[in-house]
Amino acid sequence: MKLNTFGYVLRQGLKNIWRNKMFSIASIATMAACIFLFGVFFSLVTNFQHVVKGVEQDVAVTVFFDDGLPQDKIDKIGMAIAGRDEVQSYTYVSPEDAWEQYKAEYFQGNEEAAAGFDKDNPLANSANYQIYIKNIEEQSTLVSYLESLDGVSKVQQSESVANTLTDLNRLISVVSGVIILILICVAIFLISNTVRIGIAVRREEIGIMKIIGATNFFVRAPFIVEGILIGLIGSVIPLGVLYYGYGKIVMYIGAKFQFLDNIIQFLPEGTIFRILIPIGLILGLGIGYIGSRITVRRHINV
């Protein structure tokens, strides 16, 4: 495309926006609402998944063995655990380690009472493997496998925690996806209407351009550019607001609800917006292009 042609197309696109100010503003506002809500849900879902990952690291599956199981059999079970794709890490807890942990938790300040059990470990049959998994949704698969191993007497899992986190994650993803999809459809509809009005206003001019032999591109391009510009403006504004507001909200929550610091660690702006900004811009430009393209193909035949 020649530079002067590009300049003409861009100027005409801007003129179209100015001619239809009210519809353009409505389209930009709807687009901004769409991108804003997308950004809000993206931030929520991303932070929630971050929290889930943190919880997953603390949720362990515990494998206990049959009484009297020899150490070589226990080691063999450990090798089987190490070979599973679901496993992030695992730790062997010997009866001695289990007793030391129990004393630290329940006999603190009463070491003399605990000393009476040192020669006769009451947890002699409590050796186990503590297993940490990569994805909490894979817990049930891993547990089924572990329960099938010879020498395993019991597998202890946090089933309720896993189910709750998985269900919440899916619910937030589905709800946010449905709302964003509805807003995208509304934005495409409004942009299409805005471009259609611009075509109606310039109907006579378009007719003259057809008579003198203007190409498809030359006639249609300004309206495509109009839709793209509406999409661009409608995405830049909310992304700027979100970038400014995210840090402020995180700081406010941290100051107002200090007890949450040990429970929830919010992701920094850089982590969120290095993904959100490109996606938001592409989404805005794409919606603008699709909305204008649909209308142009329907109402302009050169």
Protein backbone atom coordinates (compact mmCIF):
# COMPACT_ATOMS: atom_id res chain seq x y z
CA MET A 1 0.00 0.00 0.00
CA LYS A 2 1.32 3.44 -0.96
CA LEU A 3 1.88 5.97 1.81
CA ASN A 4 -0.60 8.50 0.39
CA THR A 5 -3.26 5.76 0.05
CA PHE A 6 -2.68 4.71 3.66
CA GLY A 7 -2.99 8.34 4.75
CA TYR A 8 -6.27 8.72 2.86
CA VAL A 9 -7.72 5.52 4.34
CA LEU A 10 -6.70 6.53 7.87
CA ARG A 11 -8.15 10.05 7.51
CA GLN A 12 -11.43 8.71 6.16
CA GLY A 13 -11.64 6.20 9.00
CA LEU A 14 -11.19 8.99 11.55
CA LYS A 15 -13.75 11.14 9.74
CA ASN A 16 -16.26 8.29 9.86
CA ILE A 17 -15.80 8.04 13.63
CA TRP A 18 -16.30 11.80 14.00
CA ARG A 19 -19.38 11.86 11.73
CA ASN A 20 -21.09 9.19 13.85
CA LYS A 21 -19.91 10.44 17.23
CA MET A 22 -22.77 9.06 19.30
CA PHE A 23 -22.64 5.57 17.82
CA SER A 24 -18.84 5.60 17.89
CA ILE A 25 -18.85 6.54 21.58
CA ALA A 26 -21.40 3.79 22.31
CA SER A 27 -19.24 1.26 20.44
CA ILE A 28 -16.06 2.39 22.21
CA ALA A 29 -17.82 2.28 25.60
CA THR A 30 -19.11 -1.25 24.97
CA MET A 31 -15.70 -2.35 23.75
CA ALA A 32 -14.09 -0.77 26.82
CA ALA A 33 -16.56 -2.58 29.10
CA CYS A 34 -15.80 -5.86 27.33
CA ILE A 35 -12.02 -5.47 27.63
CA PHE A 36 -12.30 -4.16 31.19
CA LEU A 37 -14.36 -7.15 32.35
CA PHE A 38 -12.05 -9.46 30.43
CA GLY A 39 -9.11 -7.91 32.28
CA VAL A 40 -10.86 -8.19 35.65
CA PHE A 41 -11.73 -11.85 35.12
CA PHE A 42 -8.28 -12.57 33.70
CA SER A 43 -6.67 -11.05 36.80
CA LEU A 44 -9.03 -12.95 39.12
CA VAL A 45 -8.57 -16.29 37.37
CA THR A 46 -4.79 -15.88 37.10
CA ASN A 47 -4.45 -14.95 40.78
CA PHE A 48 -6.82 -17.76 41.80
CA GLN A 49 -4.79 -20.28 39.82
CA HIS A 50 -1.67 -18.90 41.52
CA VAL A 51 -3.31 -19.45 44.92
CA VAL A 52 -4.38 -22.96 43.88
CA LYS A 53 -0.80 -23.75 42.89
CA GLY A 54 0.36 -22.55 46.30
CA VAL A 55 -2.21 -24.73 48.05
CA GLU A 56 -1.30 -27.68 45.84
CA GLN A 57 2.29 -27.43 47.05
CA ASP A 58 1.08 -27.90 50.64
CA VAL A 59 -1.42 -30.69 49.93
CA ALA A 60 0.19 -34.09 50.35
CA VAL A 61 -0.92 -37.64 49.65
CA THR A 62 0.34 -39.95 52.41
CA VAL A 63 1.10 -43.62 51.74
CA PHE A 64 1.20 -46.05 54.68
CA PHE A 65 2.53 -49.61 54.52
CA ASP A 66 1.49 -53.05 55.76
CA ASP A 67 2.81 -53.88 59.24
CA GLY A 68 6.24 -55.46 59.11
CA LEU A 69 6.86 -54.61 55.44
CA PRO A 70 10.62 -54.97 54.84
CA GLN A 71 12.65 -51.90 53.84
CA ASP A 72 13.46 -53.22 50.37
CA LYS A 73 9.71 -53.42 49.61
CA ILE A 74 9.26 -49.87 50.92
CA ASP A 75 12.11 -48.70 48.66
CA LYS A 76 10.45 -50.45 45.71
CA ILE A 77 7.23 -48.53 46.39
CA GLY A 78 9.30 -45.34 46.49
CA MET A 79 10.74 -46.12 43.06
CA ALA A 80 7.22 -46.66 41.71
CA ILE A 81 6.16 -43.29 43.12
CA ALA A 82 9.18 -41.55 41.59
CA GLY A 83 8.22 -42.85 38.15
CA ARG A 84 4.76 -41.25 38.14
CA ASP A 85 4.22 -38.11 36.02
CA GLU A 86 1.77 -36.67 38.57
CA VAL A 87 4.43 -36.51 41.30
CA GLN A 88 6.20 -33.20 41.95
CA SER A 89 8.26 -34.51 44.88
CA TYR A 90 8.06 -37.07 47.66
CA THR A 91 9.66 -37.66 51.04
CA TYR A 92 10.16 -40.83 53.05
CA VAL A 93 9.18 -40.43 56.72
CA SER A 94 10.70 -43.15 58.90
CA PRO A 95 9.10 -44.23 62.21
CA GLU A 96 11.79 -42.24 64.03
CA ASP A 97 11.03 -39.11 61.96
CA ALA A 98 7.30 -39.57 62.57
CA TRP A 99 7.88 -39.80 66.34
CA GLU A 100 10.08 -36.68 66.34
CA GLN A 101 7.40 -34.75 64.44
CA TYR A 102 4.72 -35.98 66.84
CA LYS A 103 6.77 -34.98 69.90
CA ALA A 104 7.42 -31.51 68.48
CA GLU A 105 3.70 -30.99 67.91
CA TYR A 106 2.08 -32.60 70.96
CA PHE A 107 4.77 -32.82 73.69
CA GLN A 108 6.19 -29.32 73.46
CA GLY A 109 7.08 -28.21 77.00
CA ASN A 110 6.57 -31.74 78.32
CA GLU A 111 9.73 -33.45 77.09
CA GLU A 112 10.02 -35.67 80.19
CA ALA A 113 6.75 -37.43 79.38
CA ALA A 114 7.87 -37.97 75.79
CA ALA A 115 11.25 -39.35 76.89
CA GLY A 116 9.53 -42.40 78.37
CA PHE A 117 8.65 -43.58 74.85
CA ASP A 118 12.08 -43.12 73.28
CA LYS A 119 13.08 -46.78 73.73
CA ASP A 120 9.69 -48.06 72.63
CA ASN A 121 8.56 -45.96 69.67
CA PRO A 122 4.72 -45.85 69.73
CA LEU A 123 4.77 -44.98 66.01
CA ALA A 124 6.89 -47.95 64.97
CA ASN A 125 4.42 -48.85 62.21
CA SER A 126 3.84 -45.31 60.93
CA ALA A 127 6.53 -45.12 58.23
CA ASN A 128 5.11 -43.40 55.15
CA TYR A 129 5.75 -41.48 51.97
CA GLN A 130 4.61 -37.85 51.78
CA ILE A 131 3.82 -37.16 48.11
CA TYR A 132 3.30 -33.71 46.58
CA ILE A 133 1.60 -33.60 43.20
CA LYS A 134 1.98 -31.23 40.23
CA ASN A 135 -1.73 -30.72 39.59
CA ILE A 136 -4.39 -31.26 42.23
CA GLU A 137 -6.84 -32.47 39.55
CA GLU A 138 -4.61 -35.53 39.07
CA GLN A 139 -4.83 -36.56 42.73
CA SER A 140 -7.58 -39.18 42.28
CA THR A 141 -5.65 -40.88 39.44
CA LEU A 142 -2.51 -41.09 41.55
CA VAL A 143 -4.39 -42.34 44.62
CA SER A 144 -6.03 -45.15 42.61
CA TYR A 145 -2.60 -46.25 41.40
CA LEU A 146 -1.04 -46.11 44.87
CA GLU A 147 -3.86 -48.15 46.41
CA SER A 148 -3.17 -50.92 43.89
CA LEU A 149 0.48 -51.36 44.95
CA ASP A 150 1.47 -54.42 46.99
CA GLY A 151 2.47 -53.53 50.52
CA VAL A 152 0.35 -50.37 50.71
CA SER A 153 -2.17 -50.52 53.56
CA LYS A 154 -3.72 -47.05 53.28
CA VAL A 155 -3.53 -43.91 51.16
CA GLN A 156 -4.54 -40.69 52.89
CA GLN A 157 -5.63 -37.82 50.66
CA SER A 158 -7.20 -34.36 50.91
CA GLU A 159 -10.13 -35.20 48.67
CA SER A 160 -12.41 -32.37 49.83
CA VAL A 161 -9.70 -29.76 49.30
CA ALA A 162 -8.93 -31.09 45.83
CA ASN A 163 -12.60 -31.17 44.80
CA THR A 164 -13.30 -27.68 46.15
CA LEU A 165 -10.32 -26.09 44.40
CA THR A 166 -11.04 -27.89 41.13
CA ASP A 167 -14.75 -26.94 41.17
CA LEU A 168 -14.02 -23.29 42.01
CA ASN A 169 -11.42 -23.07 39.26
CA ARG A 170 -13.84 -24.46 36.68
CA LEU A 171 -16.74 -22.29 37.88
CA ILE A 172 -14.76 -19.06 37.65
CA SER A 173 -13.42 -19.99 34.21
CA VAL A 174 -16.89 -20.88 32.83
CA VAL A 175 -18.69 -17.83 34.27
CA SER A 176 -16.01 -15.41 33.08
CA GLY A 177 -15.95 -17.05 29.64
CA VAL A 178 -19.74 -16.77 29.20
CA ILE A 179 -19.85 -13.11 30.28
CA ILE A 180 -16.94 -12.16 28.02
CA LEU A 181 -18.50 -14.00 25.06
CA ILE A 182 -21.78 -12.10 25.52
CA LEU A 183 -19.94 -8.77 25.66
CA ILE A 184 -17.91 -9.62 22.56
CA CYS A 185 -21.12 -10.32 20.63
CA VAL A 186 -22.63 -7.01 21.81
CA ALA A 187 -19.44 -5.14 20.85
CA ILE A 188 -19.40 -6.69 17.35
CA PHE A 189 -23.08 -5.79 16.91
CA LEU A 190 -22.55 -2.15 17.92
CA ILE A 191 -19.45 -1.72 15.76
CA SER A 192 -21.33 -3.24 12.82
CA ASN A 193 -24.18 -0.75 13.33
CA THR A 194 -21.76 2.18 13.62
CA VAL A 195 -20.03 1.23 10.37
CA ARG A 196 -23.40 0.63 8.66
CA ILE A 197 -24.52 4.17 9.55
CA GLY A 198 -21.26 5.52 8.14
CA ILE A 199 -21.92 3.66 4.90
CA ALA A 200 -25.46 5.08 4.74
CA VAL A 201 -24.18 8.63 5.29
CA ARG A 202 -21.61 8.25 2.49
CA ARG A 203 -23.90 6.30 0.15
CA GLU A 204 -23.82 9.00 -2.56
CA GLU A 205 -20.05 9.38 -2.34
CA ILE A 206 -19.60 5.60 -2.56
CA GLY A 207 -21.83 5.55 -5.66
CA ILE A 208 -19.64 8.15 -7.38
CA MET A 209 -16.50 6.19 -6.47
CA LYS A 210 -18.03 3.08 -8.04
CA ILE A 211 -18.82 4.98 -11.26
CA ILE A 212 -15.24 6.24 -11.66
CA GLY A 213 -13.89 2.72 -11.10
CA ALA A 214 -12.62 2.74 -7.51
CA THR A 215 -11.35 -0.64 -6.32
CA ASN A 216 -12.94 -2.76 -3.62
CA PHE A 217 -10.09 -1.96 -1.28
CA PHE A 218 -10.25 1.81 -1.82
CA VAL A 219 -13.98 1.95 -1.04
CA ARG A 220 -14.09 -0.55 1.81
CA ALA A 221 -10.81 0.15 3.62
CA PRO A 222 -11.88 3.37 5.43
CA PHE A 223 -14.79 1.52 7.06
CA ILE A 224 -12.53 -1.38 8.07
CA VAL A 225 -10.10 1.14 9.57
CA GLU A 226 -13.01 2.80 11.40
CA GLY A 227 -13.89 -0.50 13.11
CA ILE A 228 -10.24 -1.24 13.92
CA LEU A 229 -9.73 2.23 15.43
CA ILE A 230 -12.86 1.85 17.56
CA GLY A 231 -11.53 -1.52 18.75
CA LEU A 232 -8.08 -0.05 19.47
CA ILE A 233 -9.40 2.95 21.42
CA GLY A 234 -11.88 0.75 23.26
CA SER A 235 -9.09 -1.58 24.42
CA VAL A 236 -6.33 0.93 25.26
CA ILE A 237 -8.51 2.92 27.70
CA PRO A 238 -9.58 0.00 29.97
CA LEU A 239 -6.12 -1.58 29.86
CA GLY A 240 -4.65 1.69 31.14
CA VAL A 241 -7.28 1.91 33.88
CA LEU A 242 -6.68 -1.71 34.89
CA TYR A 243 -2.90 -1.29 34.98
CA TYR A 244 -3.21 1.75 37.23
CA GLY A 245 -5.98 0.29 39.38
CA TYR A 246 -4.55 -3.22 39.90
CA GLY A 247 -1.56 -2.07 41.92
CA LYS A 248 -3.69 0.33 43.98
CA ILE A 249 -6.25 -2.36 44.80
CA VAL A 250 -3.57 -4.90 45.78
CA MET A 251 -1.91 -2.30 48.04
CA TYR A 252 -5.28 -1.41 49.60
CA ILE A 253 -6.17 -5.05 50.29
CA GLY A 254 -2.71 -5.66 51.76
CA ALA A 255 -3.03 -2.66 54.09
CA LYS A 256 -6.68 -3.22 55.04
CA PHE A 257 -6.59 -7.00 55.45
CA GLN A 258 -3.08 -7.77 56.67
CA PHE A 259 -4.10 -11.24 57.85
CA LEU A 260 -4.48 -12.23 54.18
CA ASP A 261 -0.74 -11.78 53.55
CA ASN A 262 -0.07 -15.28 54.87
CA ILE A 263 -2.96 -16.76 52.85
CA ILE A 264 -2.97 -14.98 49.49
CA GLN A 265 0.03 -13.67 47.60
CA PHE A 266 -1.18 -11.53 44.69
CA LEU A 267 0.81 -11.64 41.47
CA PRO A 268 2.72 -8.42 40.61
CA GLU A 269 1.53 -6.13 37.80
CA GLY A 270 4.34 -7.23 35.50
CA THR A 271 3.30 -10.88 35.63
CA ILE A 272 -0.36 -10.08 34.91
CA PHE A 273 -0.04 -7.33 32.31
CA ARG A 274 2.76 -8.72 30.17
CA ILE A 275 0.14 -11.28 29.11
CA LEU A 276 -3.06 -9.22 29.51
CA ILE A 277 -1.98 -6.18 27.44
CA PRO A 278 -1.14 -8.11 24.21
CA ILE A 279 -4.26 -10.28 24.56
CA GLY A 280 -6.47 -7.23 25.25
CA LEU A 281 -5.11 -5.29 22.27
CA ILE A 282 -5.44 -8.26 19.92
CA LEU A 283 -8.98 -8.89 21.19
CA GLY A 284 -9.97 -5.25 20.67
CA LEU A 285 -8.45 -5.03 17.20
CA GLY A 286 -9.96 -8.38 16.25
CA ILE A 287 -13.47 -7.44 17.38
CA GLY A 288 -13.22 -4.12 15.55
CA TYR A 289 -12.03 -5.79 12.37
CA ILE A 290 -14.68 -8.54 12.46
CA GLY A 291 -17.53 -6.13 13.19
CA SER A 292 -16.59 -3.75 10.37
CA ARG A 293 -15.72 -6.53 7.94
CA ILE A 294 -19.12 -8.20 8.34
CA THR A 295 -20.96 -4.93 7.63
CA VAL A 296 -18.75 -3.90 4.72
CA ARG A 297 -19.21 -7.23 2.95
CA ARG A 298 -23.00 -6.99 3.37
CA HIS A 299 -23.55 -3.36 2.41
CA ILE A 300 -20.80 -2.42 -0.04
CA ASN A 301 -20.66 -4.26 -3.35
CA VAL A 302 -18.25 -2.67 -5.80
